[in-house]
Amino acid sequence: PEAQLDRFLLKITIDYPNLEEEVEIITREHKLKTTKLAQITSS
Protein backbone atom coordinates (compact mmCIF):
# COMPACT_ATOMS: atom_id res chain seq x y z
CA PRO A 1 0.00 0.00 0.00
CA GLU A 2 1.05 3.60 -0.62
CA ALA A 3 1.15 4.30 3.13
CA GLN A 4 3.79 1.60 3.56
CA LEU A 5 5.79 2.56 0.47
CA ASP A 6 5.98 6.08 1.91
CA ARG A 7 7.87 4.72 4.90
CA PHE A 8 10.79 3.58 2.74
CA LEU A 9 13.35 6.35 2.51
CA LEU A 10 14.63 5.02 -0.82
CA LYS A 11 13.46 2.72 -3.57
CA ILE A 12 16.46 1.48 -5.53
CA THR A 13 15.90 -0.11 -8.91
CA ILE A 14 18.64 -2.61 -9.82
CA ASP A 15 19.27 -3.07 -13.54
CA TYR A 16 21.04 -5.83 -15.43
CA PRO A 17 24.83 -5.50 -15.77
CA ASN A 18 26.46 -4.51 -19.07
CA LEU A 19 28.62 -6.91 -21.11
CA GLU A 20 31.92 -6.10 -19.35
CA GLU A 21 30.32 -6.45 -15.92
CA GLU A 22 28.63 -9.71 -16.92
CA VAL A 23 31.99 -11.14 -18.02
CA GLU A 24 33.55 -10.06 -14.71
CA ILE A 25 30.70 -11.66 -12.72
CA ILE A 26 31.12 -14.98 -14.54
CA THR A 27 34.93 -14.87 -14.20
CA ARG A 28 34.75 -14.23 -10.45
CA GLU A 29 32.27 -17.06 -10.00
CA HIS A 30 34.56 -19.38 -11.96
CA LYS A 31 37.52 -18.51 -9.71
CA LEU A 32 35.54 -18.54 -6.45
CA LYS A 33 37.16 -20.80 -3.84
CA THR A 34 34.95 -19.89 -0.86
CA THR A 35 31.51 -18.40 -0.15
CA LYS A 36 30.82 -14.79 -1.08
CA LEU A 37 30.02 -13.84 2.50
CA ALA A 38 33.32 -15.29 3.72
CA GLN A 39 35.19 -12.70 1.64
CA ILE A 40 33.69 -9.79 3.58
CA THR A 41 35.24 -8.45 6.80
CA SER A 42 33.18 -6.51 9.34
CA SER A 43 34.68 -3.04 9.58
PDB file of all heavy atoms in Angstrom:
ATOM      1  N   PRO A   1       0.833  -1.210   0.000  1.00  0.00           N
ATOM      2  CA  PRO A   1       0.000   0.000   0.000  1.00  0.00           C
ATOM      3  C   PRO A   1       0.865   1.257   0.000  1.00  0.00           C
ATOM      4  O   PRO A   1       2.012   1.238   0.471  1.00  0.00           O
ATOM      5  CB  PRO A   1      -0.804  -0.121   1.296  1.00  0.00           C
ATOM      6  CG  PRO A   1      -0.005  -1.015   2.170  1.00  0.00           C
ATOM      7  CD  PRO A   1       0.715  -1.965   1.259  1.00  0.00           C
ATOM      8  N   GLU A   2       0.303   2.342  -0.516  1.00  0.00           N
ATOM      9  CA  GLU A   2       1.050   3.599  -0.620  1.00  0.00           C
ATOM     10  C   GLU A   2       1.562   4.071   0.743  1.00  0.00           C
ATOM     11  O   GLU A   2       2.665   4.609   0.857  1.00  0.00           O
ATOM     12  CB  GLU A   2       0.173   4.692  -1.256  1.00  0.00           C
ATOM     13  CG  GLU A   2       0.128   4.664  -2.779  1.00  0.00           C
ATOM     14  CD  GLU A   2      -0.545   3.399  -3.318  1.00  0.00           C
ATOM     15  OE1 GLU A   2      -1.512   2.937  -2.682  1.00  0.00           O
ATOM     16  OE2 GLU A   2      -0.094   2.890  -4.353  1.00  0.00           O
ATOM     17  N   ALA A   3       0.750   3.857   1.791  1.00  0.00           N
ATOM     18  CA  ALA A   3       1.150   4.300   3.126  1.00  0.00           C
ATOM     19  C   ALA A   3       2.414   3.587   3.586  1.00  0.00           C
ATOM     20  O   ALA A   3       3.231   4.168   4.310  1.00  0.00           O
ATOM     21  CB  ALA A   3       0.012   4.045   4.123  1.00  0.00           C
ATOM     22  N   GLN A   4       2.582   2.342   3.166  1.00  0.00           N
ATOM     23  CA  GLN A   4       3.788   1.603   3.556  1.00  0.00           C
ATOM     24  C   GLN A   4       4.973   1.971   2.662  1.00  0.00           C
ATOM     25  O   GLN A   4       6.095   2.112   3.135  1.00  0.00           O
ATOM     26  CB  GLN A   4       3.547   0.105   3.508  1.00  0.00           C
ATOM     27  CG  GLN A   4       4.735  -0.699   4.038  1.00  0.00           C
ATOM     28  CD  GLN A   4       4.353  -2.081   4.488  1.00  0.00           C
ATOM     29  OE1 GLN A   4       3.285  -2.562   4.173  1.00  0.00           O
ATOM     30  NE2 GLN A   4       5.211  -2.730   5.238  1.00  0.00           N
ATOM     31  N   LEU A   5       4.722   2.144   1.381  1.00  0.00           N
ATOM     32  CA  LEU A   5       5.786   2.563   0.474  1.00  0.00           C
ATOM     33  C   LEU A   5       6.401   3.882   0.935  1.00  0.00           C
ATOM     34  O   LEU A   5       7.603   4.100   0.827  1.00  0.00           O
ATOM     35  CB  LEU A   5       5.233   2.717  -0.950  1.00  0.00           C
ATOM     36  CG  LEU A   5       4.955   1.433  -1.727  1.00  0.00           C
ATOM     37  CD1 LEU A   5       4.203   1.749  -3.017  1.00  0.00           C
ATOM     38  CD2 LEU A   5       6.241   0.689  -2.036  1.00  0.00           C
ATOM     39  N   ASP A   6       5.537   4.762   1.466  1.00  0.00           N
ATOM     40  CA  ASP A   6       5.979   6.081   1.908  1.00  0.00           C
ATOM     41  C   ASP A   6       6.959   6.007   3.062  1.00  0.00           C
ATOM     42  O   ASP A   6       7.684   6.957   3.338  1.00  0.00           O
ATOM     43  CB  ASP A   6       4.750   6.912   2.307  1.00  0.00           C
ATOM     44  CG  ASP A   6       5.029   8.404   2.265  1.00  0.00           C
ATOM     45  OD1 ASP A   6       5.821   8.835   1.411  1.00  0.00           O
ATOM     46  OD2 ASP A   6       4.480   9.139   3.102  1.00  0.00           O
ATOM     47  N   ARG A   7       6.979   4.871   3.753  1.00  0.00           N
ATOM     48  CA  ARG A   7       7.873   4.721   4.904  1.00  0.00           C
ATOM     49  C   ARG A   7       9.272   4.257   4.499  1.00  0.00           C
ATOM     50  O   ARG A   7      10.164   4.193   5.337  1.00  0.00           O
ATOM     51  CB  ARG A   7       7.251   3.763   5.928  1.00  0.00           C
ATOM     52  CG  ARG A   7       6.165   4.437   6.762  1.00  0.00           C
ATOM     53  CD  ARG A   7       5.300   3.440   7.496  1.00  0.00           C
ATOM     54  NE  ARG A   7       4.410   4.098   8.461  1.00  0.00           N
ATOM     55  CZ  ARG A   7       3.307   4.759   8.146  1.00  0.00           C
ATOM     56  NH1 ARG A   7       2.954   4.878   6.876  1.00  0.00           N
ATOM     57  NH2 ARG A   7       2.558   5.321   9.073  1.00  0.00           N
ATOM     58  N   PHE A   8       9.451   3.893   3.243  1.00  0.00           N
ATOM     59  CA  PHE A   8      10.793   3.576   2.744  1.00  0.00           C
ATOM     60  C   PHE A   8      11.467   4.869   2.320  1.00  0.00           C
ATOM     61  O   PHE A   8      10.945   5.601   1.477  1.00  0.00           O
ATOM     62  CB  PHE A   8      10.722   2.612   1.561  1.00  0.00           C
ATOM     63  CG  PHE A   8      10.383   1.195   1.941  1.00  0.00           C
ATOM     64  CD1 PHE A   8       9.101   0.712   1.786  1.00  0.00           C
ATOM     65  CD2 PHE A   8      11.352   0.352   2.463  1.00  0.00           C
ATOM     66  CE1 PHE A   8       8.777  -0.591   2.137  1.00  0.00           C
ATOM     67  CE2 PHE A   8      11.042  -0.951   2.823  1.00  0.00           C
ATOM     68  CZ  PHE A   8       9.755  -1.420   2.656  1.00  0.00           C
ATOM     69  N   LEU A   9      12.624   5.148   2.886  1.00  0.00           N
ATOM     70  CA  LEU A   9      13.353   6.354   2.507  1.00  0.00           C
ATOM     71  C   LEU A   9      13.700   6.315   1.022  1.00  0.00           C
ATOM     72  O   LEU A   9      13.530   7.303   0.306  1.00  0.00           O
ATOM     73  CB  LEU A   9      14.633   6.473   3.341  1.00  0.00           C
ATOM     74  CG  LEU A   9      15.516   7.685   3.025  1.00  0.00           C
ATOM     75  CD1 LEU A   9      14.874   8.963   3.544  1.00  0.00           C
ATOM     76  CD2 LEU A   9      16.915   7.510   3.620  1.00  0.00           C
ATOM     77  N   LEU A  10      14.190   5.155   0.563  1.00  0.00           N
ATOM     78  CA  LEU A  10      14.633   5.020  -0.825  1.00  0.00           C
ATOM     79  C   LEU A  10      14.034   3.779  -1.468  1.00  0.00           C
ATOM     80  O   LEU A  10      13.859   2.751  -0.812  1.00  0.00           O
ATOM     81  CB  LEU A  10      16.164   4.892  -0.899  1.00  0.00           C
ATOM     82  CG  LEU A  10      17.032   5.975  -0.267  1.00  0.00           C
ATOM     83  CD1 LEU A  10      18.500   5.580  -0.362  1.00  0.00           C
ATOM     84  CD2 LEU A  10      16.803   7.321  -0.930  1.00  0.00           C
ATOM     85  N   LYS A  11      13.739   3.895  -2.739  1.00  0.00           N
ATOM     86  CA  LYS A  11      13.459   2.725  -3.565  1.00  0.00           C
ATOM     87  C   LYS A  11      14.558   2.681  -4.630  1.00  0.00           C
ATOM     88  O   LYS A  11      14.694   3.599  -5.439  1.00  0.00           O
ATOM     89  CB  LYS A  11      12.088   2.809  -4.228  1.00  0.00           C
ATOM     90  CG  LYS A  11      11.815   1.628  -5.162  1.00  0.00           C
ATOM     91  CD  LYS A  11      10.496   1.799  -5.896  1.00  0.00           C
ATOM     92  CE  LYS A  11      10.303   0.716  -6.939  1.00  0.00           C
ATOM     93  NZ  LYS A  11       9.074   0.928  -7.745  1.00  0.00           N
ATOM     94  N   ILE A  12      15.332   1.610  -4.597  1.00  0.00           N
ATOM     95  CA  ILE A  12      16.463   1.478  -5.525  1.00  0.00           C
ATOM     96  C   ILE A  12      16.131   0.413  -6.567  1.00  0.00           C
ATOM     97  O   ILE A  12      15.849  -0.731  -6.216  1.00  0.00           O
ATOM     98  CB  ILE A  12      17.756   1.097  -4.776  1.00  0.00           C
ATOM     99  CG1 ILE A  12      18.022   2.084  -3.620  1.00  0.00           C
ATOM    100  CG2 ILE A  12      18.933   1.063  -5.736  1.00  0.00           C
ATOM    101  CD1 ILE A  12      19.202   1.693  -2.747  1.00  0.00           C
ATOM    102  N   THR A  13      16.159   0.816  -7.816  1.00  0.00           N
ATOM    103  CA  THR A  13      15.905  -0.115  -8.914  1.00  0.00           C
ATOM    104  C   THR A  13      17.241  -0.652  -9.423  1.00  0.00           C
ATOM    105  O   THR A  13      18.129   0.122  -9.799  1.00  0.00           O
ATOM    106  CB  THR A  13      15.156   0.583 -10.061  1.00  0.00           C
ATOM    107  OG1 THR A  13      13.948   1.159  -9.542  1.00  0.00           O
ATOM    108  CG2 THR A  13      14.804  -0.406 -11.157  1.00  0.00           C
ATOM    109  N   ILE A  14      17.383  -1.974  -9.404  1.00  0.00           N
ATOM    110  CA  ILE A  14      18.637  -2.608  -9.818  1.00  0.00           C
ATOM    111  C   ILE A  14      18.481  -3.144 -11.241  1.00  0.00           C
ATOM    112  O   ILE A  14      17.603  -3.967 -11.513  1.00  0.00           O
ATOM    113  CB  ILE A  14      19.029  -3.748  -8.863  1.00  0.00           C
ATOM    114  CG1 ILE A  14      19.091  -3.232  -7.422  1.00  0.00           C
ATOM    115  CG2 ILE A  14      20.366  -4.360  -9.266  1.00  0.00           C
ATOM    116  CD1 ILE A  14      19.405  -4.291  -6.399  1.00  0.00           C
ATOM    117  N   ASP A  15      19.329  -2.663 -12.136  1.00  0.00           N
ATOM    118  CA  ASP A  15      19.269  -3.071 -13.539  1.00  0.00           C
ATOM    119  C   ASP A  15      20.237  -4.218 -13.807  1.00  0.00           C
ATOM    120  O   ASP A  15      21.091  -4.556 -12.979  1.00  0.00           O
ATOM    121  CB  ASP A  15      19.619  -1.878 -14.449  1.00  0.00           C
ATOM    122  CG  ASP A  15      18.573  -0.777 -14.363  1.00  0.00           C
ATOM    123  OD1 ASP A  15      17.378  -1.110 -14.260  1.00  0.00           O
ATOM    124  OD2 ASP A  15      18.961   0.410 -14.381  1.00  0.00           O
ATOM    125  N   TYR A  16      20.103  -4.788 -15.001  1.00  0.00           N
ATOM    126  CA  TYR A  16      21.035  -5.829 -15.430  1.00  0.00           C
ATOM    127  C   TYR A  16      22.417  -5.224 -15.671  1.00  0.00           C
ATOM    128  O   TYR A  16      22.542  -4.053 -16.032  1.00  0.00           O
ATOM    129  CB  TYR A  16      20.552  -6.484 -16.723  1.00  0.00           C
ATOM    130  CG  TYR A  16      19.379  -7.415 -16.553  1.00  0.00           C
ATOM    131  CD1 TYR A  16      18.158  -7.156 -17.182  1.00  0.00           C
ATOM    132  CD2 TYR A  16      19.479  -8.560 -15.773  1.00  0.00           C
ATOM    133  CE1 TYR A  16      17.076  -8.016 -17.038  1.00  0.00           C
ATOM    134  CE2 TYR A  16      18.411  -9.423 -15.620  1.00  0.00           C
ATOM    135  CZ  TYR A  16      17.206  -9.142 -16.258  1.00  0.00           C
ATOM    136  OH  TYR A  16      16.144 -10.002 -16.102  1.00  0.00           O
ATOM    137  N   PRO A  17      23.486  -6.007 -15.489  1.00  0.00           N
ATOM    138  CA  PRO A  17      24.833  -5.501 -15.772  1.00  0.00           C
ATOM    139  C   PRO A  17      25.077  -5.391 -17.277  1.00  0.00           C
ATOM    140  O   PRO A  17      24.381  -6.020 -18.082  1.00  0.00           O
ATOM    141  CB  PRO A  17      25.734  -6.583 -15.152  1.00  0.00           C
ATOM    142  CG  PRO A  17      24.906  -7.836 -15.188  1.00  0.00           C
ATOM    143  CD  PRO A  17      23.488  -7.389 -14.976  1.00  0.00           C
ATOM    144  N   ASN A  18      26.084  -4.580 -17.652  1.00  0.00           N
ATOM    145  CA  ASN A  18      26.458  -4.513 -19.066  1.00  0.00           C
ATOM    146  C   ASN A  18      27.375  -5.691 -19.404  1.00  0.00           C
ATOM    147  O   ASN A  18      27.660  -6.541 -18.550  1.00  0.00           O
ATOM    148  CB  ASN A  18      27.124  -3.166 -19.394  1.00  0.00           C
ATOM    149  CG  ASN A  18      28.383  -2.920 -18.564  1.00  0.00           C
ATOM    150  OD1 ASN A  18      29.108  -3.851 -18.223  1.00  0.00           O
ATOM    151  ND2 ASN A  18      28.649  -1.666 -18.231  1.00  0.00           N
ATOM    152  N   LEU A  19      27.841  -5.754 -20.640  1.00  0.00           N
ATOM    153  CA  LEU A  19      28.621  -6.906 -21.107  1.00  0.00           C
ATOM    154  C   LEU A  19      29.895  -7.097 -20.299  1.00  0.00           C
ATOM    155  O   LEU A  19      30.203  -8.217 -19.850  1.00  0.00           O
ATOM    156  CB  LEU A  19      28.962  -6.744 -22.594  1.00  0.00           C
ATOM    157  CG  LEU A  19      29.836  -7.854 -23.206  1.00  0.00           C
ATOM    158  CD1 LEU A  19      29.135  -9.210 -23.109  1.00  0.00           C
ATOM    159  CD2 LEU A  19      30.194  -7.533 -24.651  1.00  0.00           C
ATOM    160  N   GLU A  20      30.653  -5.989 -20.077  1.00  0.00           N
ATOM    161  CA  GLU A  20      31.920  -6.101 -19.348  1.00  0.00           C
ATOM    162  C   GLU A  20      31.675  -6.578 -17.920  1.00  0.00           C
ATOM    163  O   GLU A  20      32.420  -7.422 -17.396  1.00  0.00           O
ATOM    164  CB  GLU A  20      32.654  -4.750 -19.335  1.00  0.00           C
ATOM    165  CG  GLU A  20      33.201  -4.305 -20.677  1.00  0.00           C
ATOM    166  CD  GLU A  20      32.131  -3.762 -21.613  1.00  0.00           C
ATOM    167  OE1 GLU A  20      31.006  -3.482 -21.126  1.00  0.00           O
ATOM    168  OE2 GLU A  20      32.393  -3.628 -22.813  1.00  0.00           O
ATOM    169  N   GLU A  21      30.634  -6.047 -17.291  1.00  0.00           N
ATOM    170  CA  GLU A  21      30.318  -6.453 -15.923  1.00  0.00           C
ATOM    171  C   GLU A  21      29.864  -7.905 -15.862  1.00  0.00           C
ATOM    172  O   GLU A  21      30.213  -8.642 -14.938  1.00  0.00           O
ATOM    173  CB  GLU A  21      29.227  -5.529 -15.358  1.00  0.00           C
ATOM    174  CG  GLU A  21      29.709  -4.105 -15.099  1.00  0.00           C
ATOM    175  CD  GLU A  21      28.578  -3.141 -14.784  1.00  0.00           C
ATOM    176  OE1 GLU A  21      27.409  -3.476 -15.093  1.00  0.00           O
ATOM    177  OE2 GLU A  21      28.852  -2.056 -14.255  1.00  0.00           O
ATOM    178  N   GLU A  22      29.102  -8.324 -16.872  1.00  0.00           N
ATOM    179  CA  GLU A  22      28.632  -9.715 -16.916  1.00  0.00           C
ATOM    180  C   GLU A  22      29.816 -10.684 -17.034  1.00  0.00           C
ATOM    181  O   GLU A  22      29.862 -11.722 -16.357  1.00  0.00           O
ATOM    182  CB  GLU A  22      27.690  -9.914 -18.103  1.00  0.00           C
ATOM    183  CG  GLU A  22      26.982 -11.251 -18.125  1.00  0.00           C
ATOM    184  CD  GLU A  22      25.617 -11.201 -17.479  1.00  0.00           C
ATOM    185  OE1 GLU A  22      25.048 -10.125 -17.336  1.00  0.00           O
ATOM    186  OE2 GLU A  22      25.115 -12.288 -17.122  1.00  0.00           O
ATOM    187  N   VAL A  23      30.786 -10.322 -17.868  1.00  0.00           N
ATOM    188  CA  VAL A  23      31.993 -11.139 -18.022  1.00  0.00           C
ATOM    189  C   VAL A  23      32.740 -11.230 -16.694  1.00  0.00           C
ATOM    190  O   VAL A  23      33.204 -12.296 -16.283  1.00  0.00           O
ATOM    191  CB  VAL A  23      32.909 -10.568 -19.128  1.00  0.00           C
ATOM    192  CG1 VAL A  23      34.268 -11.257 -19.123  1.00  0.00           C
ATOM    193  CG2 VAL A  23      32.253 -10.702 -20.492  1.00  0.00           C
ATOM    194  N   GLU A  24      32.856 -10.096 -15.997  1.00  0.00           N
ATOM    195  CA  GLU A  24      33.549 -10.065 -14.708  1.00  0.00           C
ATOM    196  C   GLU A  24      32.830 -10.916 -13.670  1.00  0.00           C
ATOM    197  O   GLU A  24      33.455 -11.627 -12.880  1.00  0.00           O
ATOM    198  CB  GLU A  24      33.664  -8.613 -14.228  1.00  0.00           C
ATOM    199  CG  GLU A  24      34.347  -8.438 -12.878  1.00  0.00           C
ATOM    200  CD  GLU A  24      35.810  -8.832 -12.883  1.00  0.00           C
ATOM    201  OE1 GLU A  24      36.424  -8.909 -13.972  1.00  0.00           O
ATOM    202  OE2 GLU A  24      36.347  -9.087 -11.789  1.00  0.00           O
ATOM    203  N   ILE A  25      31.498 -10.866 -13.663  1.00  0.00           N
ATOM    204  CA  ILE A  25      30.701 -11.665 -12.724  1.00  0.00           C
ATOM    205  C   ILE A  25      30.948 -13.154 -12.947  1.00  0.00           C
ATOM    206  O   ILE A  25      31.184 -13.916 -12.005  1.00  0.00           O
ATOM    207  CB  ILE A  25      29.197 -11.339 -12.876  1.00  0.00           C
ATOM    208  CG1 ILE A  25      28.900  -9.929 -12.357  1.00  0.00           C
ATOM    209  CG2 ILE A  25      28.337 -12.362 -12.119  1.00  0.00           C
ATOM    210  CD1 ILE A  25      27.521  -9.415 -12.726  1.00  0.00           C
ATOM    211  N   ILE A  26      30.910 -13.575 -14.213  1.00  0.00           N
ATOM    212  CA  ILE A  26      31.118 -14.984 -14.542  1.00  0.00           C
ATOM    213  C   ILE A  26      32.537 -15.425 -14.187  1.00  0.00           C
ATOM    214  O   ILE A  26      32.755 -16.506 -13.639  1.00  0.00           O
ATOM    215  CB  ILE A  26      30.833 -15.232 -16.043  1.00  0.00           C
ATOM    216  CG1 ILE A  26      29.372 -14.902 -16.371  1.00  0.00           C
ATOM    217  CG2 ILE A  26      31.125 -16.687 -16.412  1.00  0.00           C
ATOM    218  CD1 ILE A  26      29.072 -14.861 -17.865  1.00  0.00           C
ATOM    219  N   THR A  27      33.523 -14.555 -14.487  1.00  0.00           N
ATOM    220  CA  THR A  27      34.926 -14.868 -14.205  1.00  0.00           C
ATOM    221  C   THR A  27      35.161 -15.041 -12.705  1.00  0.00           C
ATOM    222  O   THR A  27      35.831 -15.984 -12.267  1.00  0.00           O
ATOM    223  CB  THR A  27      35.845 -13.749 -14.752  1.00  0.00           C
ATOM    224  OG1 THR A  27      35.615 -13.592 -16.155  1.00  0.00           O
ATOM    225  CG2 THR A  27      37.307 -14.092 -14.512  1.00  0.00           C
ATOM    226  N   ARG A  28      34.589 -14.137 -11.917  1.00  0.00           N
ATOM    227  CA  ARG A  28      34.752 -14.232 -10.454  1.00  0.00           C
ATOM    228  C   ARG A  28      34.106 -15.505  -9.916  1.00  0.00           C
ATOM    229  O   ARG A  28      34.657 -16.151  -9.021  1.00  0.00           O
ATOM    230  CB  ARG A  28      34.132 -13.012  -9.777  1.00  0.00           C
ATOM    231  CG  ARG A  28      34.917 -11.726  -9.959  1.00  0.00           C
ATOM    232  CD  ARG A  28      34.380 -10.655  -9.022  1.00  0.00           C
ATOM    233  NE  ARG A  28      34.989  -9.364  -9.262  1.00  0.00           N
ATOM    234  CZ  ARG A  28      34.759  -8.290  -8.508  1.00  0.00           C
ATOM    235  NH1 ARG A  28      33.939  -8.368  -7.473  1.00  0.00           N
ATOM    236  NH2 ARG A  28      35.338  -7.130  -8.787  1.00  0.00           N
ATOM    237  N   GLU A  29      32.957 -15.850 -10.453  1.00  0.00           N
ATOM    238  CA  GLU A  29      32.270 -17.060  -9.999  1.00  0.00           C
ATOM    239  C   GLU A  29      33.096 -18.296 -10.344  1.00  0.00           C
ATOM    240  O   GLU A  29      33.177 -19.251  -9.569  1.00  0.00           O
ATOM    241  CB  GLU A  29      30.887 -17.146 -10.651  1.00  0.00           C
ATOM    242  CG  GLU A  29      29.990 -18.243 -10.106  1.00  0.00           C
ATOM    243  CD  GLU A  29      29.554 -18.006  -8.666  1.00  0.00           C
ATOM    244  OE1 GLU A  29      29.455 -16.837  -8.243  1.00  0.00           O
ATOM    245  OE2 GLU A  29      29.319 -19.008  -7.956  1.00  0.00           O
ATOM    246  N   HIS A  30      33.721 -18.265 -11.504  1.00  0.00           N
ATOM    247  CA  HIS A  30      34.557 -19.380 -11.957  1.00  0.00           C
ATOM    248  C   HIS A  30      35.773 -19.579 -11.033  1.00  0.00           C
ATOM    249  O   HIS A  30      36.185 -20.709 -10.757  1.00  0.00           O
ATOM    250  CB  HIS A  30      35.022 -19.111 -13.390  1.00  0.00           C
ATOM    251  CG  HIS A  30      35.984 -20.130 -13.918  1.00  0.00           C
ATOM    252  ND1 HIS A  30      35.669 -21.463 -14.043  1.00  0.00           N
ATOM    253  CD2 HIS A  30      37.278 -20.008 -14.333  1.00  0.00           C
ATOM    254  CE1 HIS A  30      36.715 -22.119 -14.516  1.00  0.00           C
ATOM    255  NE2 HIS A  30      37.707 -21.257 -14.701  1.00  0.00           N
ATOM    256  N   LYS A  31      36.321 -18.459 -10.541  1.00  0.00           N
ATOM    257  CA  LYS A  31      37.520 -18.511  -9.706  1.00  0.00           C
ATOM    258  C   LYS A  31      37.206 -18.631  -8.216  1.00  0.00           C
ATOM    259  O   LYS A  31      38.127 -18.772  -7.398  1.00  0.00           O
ATOM    260  CB  LYS A  31      38.379 -17.254  -9.939  1.00  0.00           C
ATOM    261  CG  LYS A  31      38.950 -17.149 -11.349  1.00  0.00           C
ATOM    262  CD  LYS A  31      39.746 -15.870 -11.503  1.00  0.00           C
ATOM    263  CE  LYS A  31      40.353 -15.763 -12.900  1.00  0.00           C
ATOM    264  NZ  LYS A  31      41.110 -14.493 -13.066  1.00  0.00           N
ATOM    265  N   LEU A  32      35.943 -18.571  -7.859  1.00  0.00           N
ATOM    266  CA  LEU A  32      35.540 -18.538  -6.452  1.00  0.00           C
ATOM    267  C   LEU A  32      35.954 -19.812  -5.717  1.00  0.00           C
ATOM    268  O   LEU A  32      35.626 -20.921  -6.136  1.00  0.00           O
ATOM    269  CB  LEU A  32      34.022 -18.341  -6.348  1.00  0.00           C
ATOM    270  CG  LEU A  32      33.451 -18.010  -4.973  1.00  0.00           C
ATOM    271  CD1 LEU A  32      33.972 -16.655  -4.488  1.00  0.00           C
ATOM    272  CD2 LEU A  32      31.933 -17.999  -5.017  1.00  0.00           C
ATOM    273  N   LYS A  33      36.688 -19.658  -4.620  1.00  0.00           N
ATOM    274  CA  LYS A  33      37.155 -20.799  -3.835  1.00  0.00           C
ATOM    275  C   LYS A  33      36.412 -20.926  -2.497  1.00  0.00           C
ATOM    276  O   LYS A  33      36.541 -21.925  -1.807  1.00  0.00           O
ATOM    277  CB  LYS A  33      38.657 -20.658  -3.546  1.00  0.00           C
ATOM    278  CG  LYS A  33      39.527 -20.531  -4.785  1.00  0.00           C
ATOM    279  CD  LYS A  33      39.427 -21.759  -5.686  1.00  0.00           C
ATOM    280  CE  LYS A  33      40.366 -21.614  -6.889  1.00  0.00           C
ATOM    281  NZ  LYS A  33      40.164 -22.682  -7.884  1.00  0.00           N
ATOM    282  N   THR A  34      35.666 -19.890  -2.129  1.00  0.00           N
ATOM    283  CA  THR A  34      34.945 -19.889  -0.858  1.00  0.00           C
ATOM    284  C   THR A  34      33.588 -19.224  -1.065  1.00  0.00           C
ATOM    285  O   THR A  34      33.250 -18.850  -2.185  1.00  0.00           O
ATOM    286  CB  THR A  34      35.764 -19.132   0.213  1.00  0.00           C
ATOM    287  OG1 THR A  34      35.050 -19.182   1.455  1.00  0.00           O
ATOM    288  CG2 THR A  34      35.996 -17.680  -0.180  1.00  0.00           C
ATOM    289  N   THR A  35      32.806 -19.070  -0.001  1.00  0.00           N
ATOM    290  CA  THR A  35      31.511 -18.399  -0.146  1.00  0.00           C
ATOM    291  C   THR A  35      31.714 -16.900  -0.298  1.00  0.00           C
ATOM    292  O   THR A  35      32.736 -16.350   0.133  1.00  0.00           O
ATOM    293  CB  THR A  35      30.615 -18.660   1.076  1.00  0.00           C
ATOM    294  OG1 THR A  35      31.225 -18.074   2.228  1.00  0.00           O
ATOM    295  CG2 THR A  35      30.411 -20.158   1.297  1.00  0.00           C
ATOM    296  N   LYS A  36      30.720 -16.244  -0.893  1.00  0.00           N
ATOM    297  CA  LYS A  36      30.819 -14.793  -1.080  1.00  0.00           C
ATOM    298  C   LYS A  36      30.870 -14.064   0.251  1.00  0.00           C
ATOM    299  O   LYS A  36      31.640 -13.120   0.428  1.00  0.00           O
ATOM    300  CB  LYS A  36      29.631 -14.306  -1.922  1.00  0.00           C
ATOM    301  CG  LYS A  36      29.629 -14.796  -3.362  1.00  0.00           C
ATOM    302  CD  LYS A  36      28.441 -14.235  -4.117  1.00  0.00           C
ATOM    303  CE  LYS A  36      28.503 -14.598  -5.609  1.00  0.00           C
ATOM    304  NZ  LYS A  36      28.272 -16.034  -5.819  1.00  0.00           N
ATOM    305  N   LEU A  37      30.056 -14.504   1.197  1.00  0.00           N
ATOM    306  CA  LEU A  37      30.024 -13.838   2.500  1.00  0.00           C
ATOM    307  C   LEU A  37      31.349 -13.959   3.241  1.00  0.00           C
ATOM    308  O   LEU A  37      31.731 -13.063   3.994  1.00  0.00           O
ATOM    309  CB  LEU A  37      28.891 -14.411   3.360  1.00  0.00           C
ATOM    310  CG  LEU A  37      27.466 -13.980   3.000  1.00  0.00           C
ATOM    311  CD1 LEU A  37      26.455 -14.757   3.827  1.00  0.00           C
ATOM    312  CD2 LEU A  37      27.277 -12.482   3.214  1.00  0.00           C
ATOM    313  N   ALA A  38      32.057 -15.068   3.030  1.00  0.00           N
ATOM    314  CA  ALA A  38      33.323 -15.291   3.724  1.00  0.00           C
ATOM    315  C   ALA A  38      34.398 -14.298   3.282  1.00  0.00           C
ATOM    316  O   ALA A  38      35.398 -14.108   3.987  1.00  0.00           O
ATOM    317  CB  ALA A  38      33.802 -16.718   3.487  1.00  0.00           C
ATOM    318  N   GLN A  39      34.206 -13.658   2.135  1.00  0.00           N
ATOM    319  CA  GLN A  39      35.186 -12.700   1.636  1.00  0.00           C
ATOM    320  C   GLN A  39      35.076 -11.330   2.303  1.00  0.00           C
ATOM    321  O   GLN A  39      35.965 -10.495   2.172  1.00  0.00           O
ATOM    322  CB  GLN A  39      35.018 -12.523   0.119  1.00  0.00           C
ATOM    323  CG  GLN A  39      35.217 -13.806  -0.676  1.00  0.00           C
ATOM    324  CD  GLN A  39      35.001 -13.577  -2.155  1.00  0.00           C
ATOM    325  OE1 GLN A  39      35.701 -12.779  -2.782  1.00  0.00           O
ATOM    326  NE2 GLN A  39      34.026 -14.258  -2.734  1.00  0.00           N
ATOM    327  N   ILE A  40      33.959 -11.113   3.004  1.00  0.00           N
ATOM    328  CA  ILE A  40      33.690  -9.793   3.580  1.00  0.00           C
ATOM    329  C   ILE A  40      34.109  -9.744   5.048  1.00  0.00           C
ATOM    330  O   ILE A  40      33.806 -10.639   5.823  1.00  0.00           O
ATOM    331  CB  ILE A  40      32.189  -9.445   3.460  1.00  0.00           C
ATOM    332  CG1 ILE A  40      31.722  -9.556   2.001  1.00  0.00           C
ATOM    333  CG2 ILE A  40      31.910  -8.062   4.019  1.00  0.00           C
ATOM    334  CD1 ILE A  40      32.395  -8.592   1.060  1.00  0.00           C
ATOM    335  N   THR A  41      34.811  -8.670   5.414  1.00  0.00           N
ATOM    336  CA  THR A  41      35.239  -8.451   6.796  1.00  0.00           C
ATOM    337  C   THR A  41      34.416  -7.333   7.413  1.00  0.00           C
ATOM    338  O   THR A  41      34.219  -6.283   6.787  1.00  0.00           O
ATOM    339  CB  THR A  41      36.729  -8.067   6.844  1.00  0.00           C
ATOM    340  OG1 THR A  41      37.490  -9.079   6.196  1.00  0.00           O
ATOM    341  CG2 THR A  41      37.206  -7.901   8.276  1.00  0.00           C
ATOM    342  N   SER A  42      33.929  -7.548   8.627  1.00  0.00           N
ATOM    343  CA  SER A  42      33.178  -6.506   9.336  1.00  0.00           C
ATOM    344  C   SER A  42      34.128  -5.374   9.717  1.00  0.00           C
ATOM    345  O   SER A  42      35.180  -5.621  10.303  1.00  0.00           O
ATOM    346  CB  SER A  42      32.522  -7.082  10.595  1.00  0.00           C
ATOM    347  OG  SER A  42      31.634  -8.126  10.256  1.00  0.00           O
ATOM    348  N   SER A  43      33.731  -4.140   9.383  1.00  0.00           N
ATOM    349  CA  SER A  43      34.678  -3.043   9.582  1.00  0.00           C
ATOM    350  C   SER A  43      34.082  -1.826  10.283  1.00  0.00           C
ATOM    351  O   SER A  43      34.788  -0.847  10.508  1.00  0.00           O
ATOM    352  CB  SER A  43      35.238  -2.591   8.222  1.00  0.00           C
ATOM    353  OG  SER A  43      34.188  -2.166   7.371  1.00  0.00           O
TER     354      SER A  43
END
